[in-house]
Amino acid sequence: MNETAFTASAVIEMRDAGISTLRDSSLIVAENVNWSVAPGEFWVVAGQQQSGKSDFLMTAAGLLLPTQGSCRVFGCETNDFGEAQVAERLRVGFVFAGGKMFSHLTVAENVALPLLYHKDLTDLEMAREVETLLELMELTPFANATSANLAANWRQRAALARALILKPELLLLDNPLGGLGARHRHWLLQFLEQLQRGHEWFEARPLTLVVTTDDLRPWPHAQRKYAVLHEGSFSGLGSWGDVASASHHAVKELLAEPAGAIM
């Protein structure tokens, strides 16, 4: 691979990358992926269920290695991610579908875990950081509840808080609207937009965001970029205008009202 083929400022860059599933590395969900994410961009990667969106997102985060080609995060080859690259890895926040919290820990303990492992803070400093973030995300009433006893709406929000506690520069969220009620969907969409613009929690520093979805309808925005993962192919779509006018049948399905939906 020619080093000059990479963009020096890219947050994520894939070149001729092959994406396999976490459960079976021989099962390929996408081949020859060429994709670049610039600082401050907000990407929405859409695909039907079982299209490989989760595997794609984990590869983009460096949690899963490409089967071929290359993936770089903040200029570092994910194949080389190790102890020496901890600083680069901590610049990435990841929210799994459904939250994936430690069920035996309280919400506050779950959110504090990254600080416990990666920051040299006193117990008081750590508690203040967690308390501030929980208040910002309306989670204070649930601070001492175990995630096993938390409703799915709040569990997803707690998982987001855990991903944000180290103040990453890149945030990836796997199907973040899945299973959320209307109020929580609205809150999350507004909050993610604030993060991209520059939230007070980050001293107004804009974040780079990538989300996956199996429904494009909640995600229209003039400043976002879109891509589709379909039948082993990853395709950049461009702006929302390009999405709305796309002739690709997979895109039309991702924009369609579900059968039997009540208007």
Foldseek 3Di string as FASTA:
>chain_A
DDPVVDDLQFQKFFAQFWFADPVDRVHTLAGGDTDTHGFLAEEEEEEAPPSCLVRVLCCRLLNDPTPDGFMDGNRHTSVPDDPVCVVSSLLEFEAEVLQPFDQVAFLLVRLLVVCVPPPDDDPVVSSVLSCVLCVVLVNVVRRRPGLNPDDSLVSLSSSVSSRPSSPHQEYEYEASCPPHDPVSLVVVVVVLVQQSQAHVSNVGRHHYYYYYHHACQVPADQRHWYWYRDRRYIGTQGHVVSLVPPPPVRSVNNHDDDPPDDD
